[in-house]
C-alpha atoms as a PDB file:
ATOM      1  CA  UNK A   1       4.503  30.827  12.758  1.00  0.00           C
ATOM      2  CA  UNK A   2       7.206  29.295  10.425  1.00  0.00           C
ATOM      3  CA  UNK A   3       5.817  26.270   8.260  1.00  0.00           C
ATOM      4  CA  UNK A   4       6.755  24.370   5.119  1.00  0.00           C
ATOM      5  CA  UNK A   5       5.053  22.084   2.529  1.00  0.00           C
ATOM      6  CA  UNK A   6       6.435  18.422   2.467  1.00  0.00           C
ATOM      7  CA  UNK A   7       9.797  19.117   0.361  1.00  0.00           C
ATOM      8  CA  UNK A   8      10.977  22.424   2.103  1.00  0.00           C
ATOM      9  CA  UNK A   9      10.596  24.332  -1.102  1.00  0.00           C
ATOM     10  CA  UNK A  10       7.942  26.704  -0.411  1.00  0.00           C
ATOM     11  CA  UNK A  11       8.453  28.171   3.358  1.00  0.00           C
ATOM     12  CA  UNK A  12       5.558  30.277   4.879  1.00  0.00           C
ATOM     13  CA  UNK A  13       6.004  32.814   7.910  1.00  0.00           C
ATOM     14  CA  UNK A  14       2.384  33.600   9.468  1.00  0.00           C
ATOM     15  CA  UNK A  15       0.911  35.650  12.217  1.00  0.00           C
ATOM     16  CA  UNK A  16      -2.482  33.598  13.095  1.00  0.00           C
ATOM     17  CA  UNK A  17      -6.063  35.803  13.066  1.00  0.00           C
ATOM     18  CA  UNK A  18      -6.701  33.489  15.813  1.00  0.00           C
ATOM     19  CA  UNK A  19      -4.987  30.283  17.376  1.00  0.00           C
ATOM     20  CA  UNK A  20      -7.578  28.102  16.262  1.00  0.00           C
ATOM     21  CA  UNK A  21      -8.730  25.853  13.270  1.00  0.00           C
ATOM     22  CA  UNK A  22     -11.856  25.920  11.046  1.00  0.00           C
ATOM     23  CA  UNK A  23     -12.919  23.347   8.825  1.00  0.00           C
ATOM     24  CA  UNK A  24     -14.664  22.770   5.641  1.00  0.00           C
ATOM     25  CA  UNK A  25     -16.736  19.813   4.216  1.00  0.00           C
ATOM     26  CA  UNK A  26     -18.030  21.492   1.051  1.00  0.00           C
ATOM     27  CA  UNK A  27     -17.681  19.547  -2.117  1.00  0.00           C
ATOM     28  CA  UNK A  28     -14.660  21.615  -3.739  1.00  0.00           C
ATOM     29  CA  UNK A  29     -12.736  21.080  -0.661  1.00  0.00           C
ATOM     30  CA  UNK A  30     -13.871  16.997  -0.230  1.00  0.00           C
ATOM     31  CA  UNK A  31     -11.944  16.589  -3.365  1.00  0.00           C
ATOM     32  CA  UNK A  32      -9.413  18.722  -3.106  1.00  0.00           C
ATOM     33  CA  UNK A  33      -8.567  17.192   0.042  1.00  0.00           C
ATOM     34  CA  UNK A  34      -9.805  13.655  -0.161  1.00  0.00           C
ATOM     35  CA  UNK A  35     -12.394  14.409   3.189  1.00  0.00           C
ATOM     36  CA  UNK A  36     -12.180  17.970   4.694  1.00  0.00           C
ATOM     37  CA  UNK A  37     -10.282  21.069   4.605  1.00  0.00           C
ATOM     38  CA  UNK A  38      -8.602  22.633   7.564  1.00  0.00           C
ATOM     39  CA  UNK A  39      -7.650  26.259   7.579  1.00  0.00           C
ATOM     40  CA  UNK A  40      -5.645  28.515   9.736  1.00  0.00           C
ATOM     41  CA  UNK A  41      -7.032  32.525   9.356  1.00  0.00           C
ATOM     42  CA  UNK A  42      -4.132  34.972   8.223  1.00  0.00           C
ATOM     43  CA  UNK A  43      -4.609  38.818   7.070  1.00  0.00           C
ATOM     44  CA  UNK A  44      -2.875  38.810   3.499  1.00  0.00           C
ATOM     45  CA  UNK A  45       0.327  41.502   5.300  1.00  0.00           C
ATOM     46  CA  UNK A  46       1.025  38.719   7.963  1.00  0.00           C
ATOM     47  CA  UNK A  47       2.129  36.050   5.434  1.00  0.00           C
ATOM     48  CA  UNK A  48       5.250  36.004   3.775  1.00  0.00           C
ATOM     49  CA  UNK A  49       5.770  33.103   0.989  1.00  0.00           C
ATOM     50  CA  UNK A  50       9.078  32.408  -0.272  1.00  0.00           C
ATOM     51  CA  UNK A  51       9.640  29.225  -3.178  1.00  0.00           C
ATOM     52  CA  UNK A  52       7.664  28.561  -6.537  1.00  0.00           C
ATOM     53  CA  UNK A  53       3.766  28.120  -5.740  1.00  0.00           C
ATOM     54  CA  UNK A  54       1.387  27.049  -8.081  1.00  0.00           C
ATOM     55  CA  UNK A  55      -2.199  28.437  -7.665  1.00  0.00           C
ATOM     56  CA  UNK A  56      -5.264  26.471  -9.510  1.00  0.00           C
ATOM     57  CA  UNK A  57      -7.968  28.728  -9.818  1.00  0.00           C
ATOM     58  CA  UNK A  58     -11.418  26.815  -7.868  1.00  0.00           C
ATOM     59  CA  UNK A  59     -13.899  29.383  -8.460  1.00  0.00           C
ATOM     60  CA  UNK A  60     -14.440  32.445  -9.791  1.00  0.00           C
ATOM     61  CA  UNK A  61     -13.750  34.147  -6.435  1.00  0.00           C
ATOM     62  CA  UNK A  62     -10.447  32.016  -5.174  1.00  0.00           C
ATOM     63  CA  UNK A  63      -7.749  30.274  -5.962  1.00  0.00           C
ATOM     64  CA  UNK A  64      -6.209  27.510  -4.338  1.00  0.00           C
ATOM     65  CA  UNK A  65      -2.308  27.052  -3.945  1.00  0.00           C
ATOM     66  CA  UNK A  66      -0.073  23.903  -3.614  1.00  0.00           C
ATOM     67  CA  UNK A  67       3.665  23.552  -4.083  1.00  0.00           C
ATOM     68  CA  UNK A  68       4.399  22.181  -7.798  1.00  0.00           C
ATOM     69  CA  UNK A  69       7.423  20.059  -6.770  1.00  0.00           C
ATOM     70  CA  UNK A  70       5.693  17.860  -3.816  1.00  0.00           C
ATOM     71  CA  UNK A  71       2.232  18.724  -4.207  1.00  0.00           C
ATOM     72  CA  UNK A  72       1.481  19.639  -0.918  1.00  0.00           C
ATOM     73  CA  UNK A  73      -1.546  22.145  -0.287  1.00  0.00           C
ATOM     74  CA  UNK A  74      -1.043  25.308   0.826  1.00  0.00           C
ATOM     75  CA  UNK A  75      -3.767  28.162   1.235  1.00  0.00           C
ATOM     76  CA  UNK A  76      -7.089  28.672  -0.149  1.00  0.00           C
ATOM     77  CA  UNK A  77      -8.246  32.370  -0.583  1.00  0.00           C
ATOM     78  CA  UNK A  78     -10.543  34.309  -2.208  1.00  0.00           C
ATOM     79  CA  UNK A  79      -9.477  37.575  -4.168  1.00  0.00           C
ATOM     80  CA  UNK A  80      -8.128  40.187  -2.391  1.00  0.00           C
ATOM     81  CA  UNK A  81      -9.251  38.530   1.113  1.00  0.00           C
ATOM     82  CA  UNK A  82      -7.078  36.953   4.115  1.00  0.00           C
ATOM     83  CA  UNK A  83      -5.493  33.305   3.607  1.00  0.00           C
ATOM     84  CA  UNK A  84      -6.977  30.087   4.710  1.00  0.00           C
ATOM     85  CA  UNK A  85      -3.855  28.413   5.362  1.00  0.00           C
ATOM     86  CA  UNK A  86      -3.241  24.848   5.516  1.00  0.00           C
ATOM     87  CA  UNK A  87      -2.717  23.945   9.403  1.00  0.00           C
ATOM     88  CA  UNK A  88      -0.271  21.051   8.478  1.00  0.00           C
ATOM     89  CA  UNK A  89       2.501  23.021   7.393  1.00  0.00           C
ATOM     90  CA  UNK A  90       2.968  24.867  10.837  1.00  0.00           C
ATOM     91  CA  UNK A  91       4.220  22.531  13.580  1.00  0.00           C
ATOM     92  CA  UNK A  92       2.383  25.196  15.723  1.00  0.00           C
ATOM     93  CA  UNK A  93      -0.761  24.979  15.053  1.00  0.00           C
ATOM     94  CA  UNK A  94      -0.603  21.083  16.293  1.00  0.00           C
ATOM     95  CA  UNK A  95      -2.672  22.461  19.580  1.00  0.00           C
ATOM     96  CA  UNK A  96      -5.038  24.729  18.124  1.00  0.00           C
ATOM     97  CA  UNK A  97      -8.421  23.603  18.666  1.00  0.00           C
ATOM     98  CA  UNK A  98     -11.310  23.770  16.097  1.00  0.00           C
ATOM     99  CA  UNK A  99     -13.046  26.836  16.268  1.00  0.00           C
ATOM    100  CA  UNK A 100     -15.943  25.765  13.501  1.00  0.00           C
ATOM    101  CA  UNK A 101     -16.858  23.843  10.956  1.00  0.00           C
ATOM    102  CA  UNK A 102     -19.288  24.730   7.784  1.00  0.00           C
ATOM    103  CA  UNK A 103     -21.444  22.566   5.692  1.00  0.00           C
ATOM    104  CA  UNK A 104     -21.107  20.252   8.421  1.00  0.00           C
ATOM    105  CA  UNK A 105     -24.360  17.978   7.319  1.00  0.00           C
ATOM    106  CA  UNK A 106     -22.169  17.149   4.398  1.00  0.00           C
ATOM    107  CA  UNK A 107     -19.203  15.569   6.308  1.00  0.00           C
ATOM    108  CA  UNK A 108     -18.144  12.125   5.505  1.00  0.00           C
ATOM    109  CA  UNK A 109     -19.156   9.633   7.855  1.00  0.00           C
ATOM    110  CA  UNK A 110     -15.754   9.297   8.725  1.00  0.00           C
ATOM    111  CA  UNK A 111     -14.825  12.228   9.408  1.00  0.00           C
ATOM    112  CA  UNK A 112     -17.765  14.082  11.622  1.00  0.00           C
ATOM    113  CA  UNK A 113     -16.137  15.723  14.133  1.00  0.00           C
ATOM    114  CA  UNK A 114     -16.908  15.928  17.870  1.00  0.00           C
ATOM    115  CA  UNK A 115     -17.249  18.642  20.182  1.00  0.00           C
ATOM    116  CA  UNK A 116     -19.364  21.702  20.789  1.00  0.00           C
ATOM    117  CA  UNK A 117     -17.898  23.738  18.504  1.00  0.00           C
ATOM    118  CA  UNK A 118     -20.492  25.724  15.961  1.00  0.00           C
ATOM    119  CA  UNK A 119     -21.691  23.919  12.894  1.00  0.00           C
ATOM    120  CA  UNK A 120     -23.166  25.428   9.963  1.00  0.00           C
ATOM    121  CA  UNK A 121     -24.828  23.492   7.463  1.00  0.00           C
ATOM    122  CA  UNK A 122     -24.320  23.954   3.621  1.00  0.00           C
ATOM    123  CA  UNK A 123     -27.656  26.151   3.551  1.00  0.00           C
ATOM    124  CA  UNK A 124     -27.163  27.971   6.421  1.00  0.00           C
ATOM    125  CA  UNK A 125     -23.749  29.040   5.107  1.00  0.00           C
ATOM    126  CA  UNK A 126     -24.691  29.540   1.658  1.00  0.00           C
ATOM    127  CA  UNK A 127     -27.551  32.100   2.724  1.00  0.00           C
ATOM    128  CA  UNK A 128     -24.480  34.063   4.376  1.00  0.00           C
ATOM    129  CA  UNK A 129     -22.491  33.823   1.813  1.00  0.00           C
ATOM    130  CA  UNK A 130     -24.539  34.305  -1.270  1.00  0.00           C
ATOM    131  CA  UNK A 131     -20.626  33.914  -3.882  1.00  0.00           C
ATOM    132  CA  UNK A 132     -21.299  30.333  -3.100  1.00  0.00           C
ATOM    133  CA  UNK A 133     -23.101  28.631  -6.180  1.00  0.00           C
ATOM    134  CA  UNK A 134     -25.020  25.168  -5.543  1.00  0.00           C
ATOM    135  CA  UNK A 135     -22.499  21.927  -5.650  1.00  0.00           C
ATOM    136  CA  UNK A 136     -19.893  23.869  -6.905  1.00  0.00           C
ATOM    137  CA  UNK A 137     -18.543  24.218  -3.571  1.00  0.00           C
END
């Protein structure tokens, strides 16, 4: 997939790990995006980025990236792990179904998602991801 930020200063080419997107409703993602964060996963070796990118260390283990010119959110990435890219960067992602959502019990009423996809509550997600610390996420 080929994509870019709002102003076009950052361009990203990626081969997604699957043809689906996920959603996160944790406190950090809600603050970053305004409601829920959507992501398309891609292995680091399958992502090419051109243009200036700024990052913000949002936790001891992860960074969030954005275009310094227009502010478009680009990705969140745990250190040394795969990219969770924002699907809105890629026209090709417009038909991707929702694979799953995490922190589903924390979703704002205006963004509760319909469908039969898997949902993990805050407790369920944090039990299987011990690096997550309370309300920091």
